[in-house]
Amino acid sequence: MFGGGGMNPRKMKQMMKQMGIDVTELDAEEVVIKTADEELVFTDAQVTRMDAQGQETYQIVGEPETRALGAGDEGGDDDAADADAGIPEDDIEIVAQRAGASKDEAREALEAEGGDLAAAIARLE
């Protein structure tokens, strides 16, 4: 970052604090970067937020999985239908599990809420 390779991490943190840079590790489960033609999906990535003079910068360390935009898992008929609807199978499973609902009910709630997981769960509860 500042050419401090080999510097004591504690001393580096102290120097950054003196310079007015606040560093926070985030407990991120997944990071998705959407480009014009693909998605980069980082799972189990290290995410660090640096706040320097009111400007927030995020650093992601990990290996991304690359997938085409709008592509879901292409294993079975249910997955293909979900990809057509634009609702990822993982989202349907999360909503169904959290709300104690069937996959069909979860899919309908997600479609009604435009893919918003929290709103779909609230709708079913």
C-alpha atoms as a PDB file:
ATOM      1  CA  MET A   1       0.000   0.000   0.000  1.00  0.00           C
ATOM      2  CA  PHE A   2       2.599   2.569   1.132  1.00  0.00           C
ATOM      3  CA  GLY A   3       5.635   0.465   0.365  1.00  0.00           C
ATOM      4  CA  GLY A   4       5.758  -0.848   3.931  1.00  0.00           C
ATOM      5  CA  GLY A   5       6.640  -4.410   2.979  1.00  0.00           C
ATOM      6  CA  GLY A   6       8.225  -5.989   6.043  1.00  0.00           C
ATOM      7  CA  MET A   7       7.018  -3.226   8.363  1.00  0.00           C
ATOM      8  CA  ASN A   8       5.429  -4.263  11.626  1.00  0.00           C
ATOM      9  CA  PRO A   9       1.616  -4.344  11.046  1.00  0.00           C
ATOM     10  CA  ARG A  10       1.034  -2.645  14.393  1.00  0.00           C
ATOM     11  CA  LYS A  11       3.392   0.202  13.490  1.00  0.00           C
ATOM     12  CA  MET A  12       1.756   0.499  10.042  1.00  0.00           C
ATOM     13  CA  LYS A  13      -1.677   0.788  11.666  1.00  0.00           C
ATOM     14  CA  GLN A  14      -0.346   3.432  14.071  1.00  0.00           C
ATOM     15  CA  MET A  15       1.138   5.471  11.189  1.00  0.00           C
ATOM     16  CA  MET A  16      -2.113   5.286   9.235  1.00  0.00           C
ATOM     17  CA  LYS A  17      -4.063   6.492  12.274  1.00  0.00           C
ATOM     18  CA  GLN A  18      -1.692   9.463  12.623  1.00  0.00           C
ATOM     19  CA  MET A  19      -2.306  10.290   8.954  1.00  0.00           C
ATOM     20  CA  GLY A  20      -6.070  10.266   9.551  1.00  0.00           C
ATOM     21  CA  ILE A  21      -6.711   6.975   7.753  1.00  0.00           C
ATOM     22  CA  ASP A  22      -9.196   4.645   9.444  1.00  0.00           C
ATOM     23  CA  VAL A  23      -9.041   0.990   8.325  1.00  0.00           C
ATOM     24  CA  THR A  24     -11.885  -1.462   9.020  1.00  0.00           C
ATOM     25  CA  GLU A  25     -12.104  -5.153   8.115  1.00  0.00           C
ATOM     26  CA  LEU A  26     -15.583  -6.068   6.860  1.00  0.00           C
ATOM     27  CA  ASP A  27     -17.155  -9.486   7.403  1.00  0.00           C
ATOM     28  CA  ALA A  28     -18.370  -9.863   3.820  1.00  0.00           C
ATOM     29  CA  GLU A  29     -19.972 -13.119   2.708  1.00  0.00           C
ATOM     30  CA  GLU A  30     -20.051 -12.258  -0.995  1.00  0.00           C
ATOM     31  CA  VAL A  31     -18.977  -9.379  -3.230  1.00  0.00           C
ATOM     32  CA  VAL A  32     -20.392  -9.009  -6.757  1.00  0.00           C
ATOM     33  CA  ILE A  33     -18.933  -6.640  -9.337  1.00  0.00           C
ATOM     34  CA  LYS A  34     -21.114  -6.220 -12.430  1.00  0.00           C
ATOM     35  CA  THR A  35     -19.522  -5.060 -15.649  1.00  0.00           C
ATOM     36  CA  ALA A  36     -21.192  -4.503 -18.999  1.00  0.00           C
ATOM     37  CA  ASP A  37     -20.888  -8.153 -19.999  1.00  0.00           C
ATOM     38  CA  GLU A  38     -20.092 -10.253 -16.907  1.00  0.00           C
ATOM     39  CA  GLU A  39     -20.211 -10.543 -13.132  1.00  0.00           C
ATOM     40  CA  LEU A  40     -17.197 -11.118 -10.898  1.00  0.00           C
ATOM     41  CA  VAL A  41     -18.343 -12.958  -7.769  1.00  0.00           C
ATOM     42  CA  PHE A  42     -16.014 -13.098  -4.764  1.00  0.00           C
ATOM     43  CA  THR A  43     -16.975 -15.547  -2.014  1.00  0.00           C
ATOM     44  CA  ASP A  44     -15.003 -15.665   1.223  1.00  0.00           C
ATOM     45  CA  ALA A  45     -13.036 -12.577   0.180  1.00  0.00           C
ATOM     46  CA  GLN A  46     -11.181 -10.283   2.552  1.00  0.00           C
ATOM     47  CA  VAL A  47     -12.775  -6.835   2.331  1.00  0.00           C
ATOM     48  CA  THR A  48     -11.142  -3.776   3.867  1.00  0.00           C
ATOM     49  CA  ARG A  49     -12.662  -0.293   4.031  1.00  0.00           C
ATOM     50  CA  MET A  50     -10.310   2.671   4.334  1.00  0.00           C
ATOM     51  CA  ASP A  51     -11.658   6.083   5.276  1.00  0.00           C
ATOM     52  CA  ALA A  52      -9.219   8.892   4.495  1.00  0.00           C
ATOM     53  CA  GLN A  53     -10.446  12.479   4.787  1.00  0.00           C
ATOM     54  CA  GLY A  54     -14.069  11.450   4.167  1.00  0.00           C
ATOM     55  CA  GLN A  55     -13.250   9.381   1.087  1.00  0.00           C
ATOM     56  CA  GLU A  56     -14.073   5.672   1.478  1.00  0.00           C
ATOM     57  CA  THR A  57     -12.046   3.119  -0.463  1.00  0.00           C
ATOM     58  CA  TYR A  58     -12.766  -0.614  -0.516  1.00  0.00           C
ATOM     59  CA  GLN A  59     -10.149  -3.286  -1.140  1.00  0.00           C
ATOM     60  CA  ILE A  60     -11.183  -6.841  -2.087  1.00  0.00           C
ATOM     61  CA  VAL A  61      -8.688  -9.700  -1.837  1.00  0.00           C
ATOM     62  CA  GLY A  62      -9.702 -13.088  -3.218  1.00  0.00           C
ATOM     63  CA  GLU A  63     -10.287 -15.152  -6.326  1.00  0.00           C
ATOM     64  CA  PRO A  64     -13.451 -14.222  -8.242  1.00  0.00           C
ATOM     65  CA  GLU A  65     -15.715 -16.576 -10.128  1.00  0.00           C
ATOM     66  CA  THR A  66     -16.644 -15.120 -13.511  1.00  0.00           C
ATOM     67  CA  ARG A  67     -20.126 -15.605 -14.906  1.00  0.00           C
ATOM     68  CA  ALA A  68     -22.142 -14.043 -17.716  1.00  0.00           C
ATOM     69  CA  LEU A  69     -24.687 -11.404 -16.765  1.00  0.00           C
ATOM     70  CA  GLY A  70     -28.041 -12.910 -15.800  1.00  0.00           C
ATOM     71  CA  ALA A  71     -26.663 -16.439 -15.852  1.00  0.00           C
ATOM     72  CA  GLY A  72     -27.875 -18.636 -13.023  1.00  0.00           C
ATOM     73  CA  ASP A  73     -26.883 -22.197 -12.265  1.00  0.00           C
ATOM     74  CA  GLU A  74     -27.737 -24.270 -15.305  1.00  0.00           C
ATOM     75  CA  GLY A  75     -28.264 -27.634 -13.651  1.00  0.00           C
ATOM     76  CA  GLY A  76     -31.973 -28.389 -13.973  1.00  0.00           C
ATOM     77  CA  ASP A  77     -35.336 -27.157 -15.198  1.00  0.00           C
ATOM     78  CA  ASP A  78     -36.006 -25.124 -12.041  1.00  0.00           C
ATOM     79  CA  ASP A  79     -32.677 -23.358 -12.412  1.00  0.00           C
ATOM     80  CA  ALA A  80     -33.339 -22.496 -16.059  1.00  0.00           C
ATOM     81  CA  ALA A  81     -36.735 -21.068 -15.150  1.00  0.00           C
ATOM     82  CA  ASP A  82     -35.154 -18.972 -12.398  1.00  0.00           C
ATOM     83  CA  ALA A  83     -32.501 -17.640 -14.780  1.00  0.00           C
ATOM     84  CA  ASP A  84     -35.263 -16.648 -17.209  1.00  0.00           C
ATOM     85  CA  ALA A  85     -37.081 -14.821 -14.395  1.00  0.00           C
ATOM     86  CA  GLY A  86     -33.836 -13.137 -13.331  1.00  0.00           C
ATOM     87  CA  ILE A  87     -34.055 -14.538  -9.777  1.00  0.00           C
ATOM     88  CA  PRO A  88     -31.001 -16.591  -8.734  1.00  0.00           C
ATOM     89  CA  GLU A  89     -31.700 -20.010  -7.206  1.00  0.00           C
ATOM     90  CA  ASP A  90     -29.548 -19.103  -4.186  1.00  0.00           C
ATOM     91  CA  ASP A  91     -31.794 -16.107  -3.440  1.00  0.00           C
ATOM     92  CA  ILE A  92     -34.919 -18.270  -3.656  1.00  0.00           C
ATOM     93  CA  GLU A  93     -33.410 -20.792  -1.250  1.00  0.00           C
ATOM     94  CA  ILE A  94     -32.397 -18.075   1.224  1.00  0.00           C
ATOM     95  CA  VAL A  95     -35.863 -16.493   1.240  1.00  0.00           C
ATOM     96  CA  ALA A  96     -37.617 -19.873   1.501  1.00  0.00           C
ATOM     97  CA  GLN A  97     -35.417 -20.923   4.409  1.00  0.00           C
ATOM     98  CA  ARG A  98     -35.584 -17.636   6.334  1.00  0.00           C
ATOM     99  CA  ALA A  99     -39.347 -17.196   5.883  1.00  0.00           C
ATOM    100  CA  GLY A 100     -40.218 -20.887   6.273  1.00  0.00           C
ATOM    101  CA  ALA A 101     -41.947 -20.855   2.890  1.00  0.00           C
ATOM    102  CA  SER A 102     -41.896 -23.042  -0.200  1.00  0.00           C
ATOM    103  CA  LYS A 103     -39.572 -22.259  -3.116  1.00  0.00           C
ATOM    104  CA  ASP A 104     -42.568 -21.256  -5.254  1.00  0.00           C
ATOM    105  CA  GLU A 105     -43.770 -18.798  -2.600  1.00  0.00           C
ATOM    106  CA  ALA A 106     -40.240 -17.442  -2.198  1.00  0.00           C
ATOM    107  CA  ARG A 107     -39.878 -17.007  -5.982  1.00  0.00           C
ATOM    108  CA  GLU A 108     -43.203 -15.134  -6.193  1.00  0.00           C
ATOM    109  CA  ALA A 109     -42.248 -12.863  -3.289  1.00  0.00           C
ATOM    110  CA  LEU A 110     -38.849 -12.103  -4.861  1.00  0.00           C
ATOM    111  CA  GLU A 111     -40.457 -11.316  -8.213  1.00  0.00           C
ATOM    112  CA  ALA A 112     -43.025  -9.063  -6.523  1.00  0.00           C
ATOM    113  CA  GLU A 113     -40.267  -7.226  -4.622  1.00  0.00           C
ATOM    114  CA  GLY A 114     -37.931  -6.867  -7.615  1.00  0.00           C
ATOM    115  CA  GLY A 115     -35.348  -9.312  -6.230  1.00  0.00           C
ATOM    116  CA  ASP A 116     -35.013  -7.579  -2.829  1.00  0.00           C
ATOM    117  CA  LEU A 117     -34.298 -10.424  -0.372  1.00  0.00           C
ATOM    118  CA  ALA A 118     -35.185  -8.533   2.807  1.00  0.00           C
ATOM    119  CA  ALA A 119     -38.460  -7.237   1.376  1.00  0.00           C
ATOM    120  CA  ALA A 120     -39.391 -10.699   0.076  1.00  0.00           C
ATOM    121  CA  ILE A 121     -38.741 -12.257   3.500  1.00  0.00           C
ATOM    122  CA  ALA A 122     -40.781  -9.530   5.199  1.00  0.00           C
ATOM    123  CA  ARG A 123     -43.595 -10.073   2.709  1.00  0.00           C
ATOM    124  CA  LEU A 124     -43.776 -13.783   3.594  1.00  0.00           C
ATOM    125  CA  GLU A 125     -43.512 -13.394   7.373  1.00  0.00           C
END
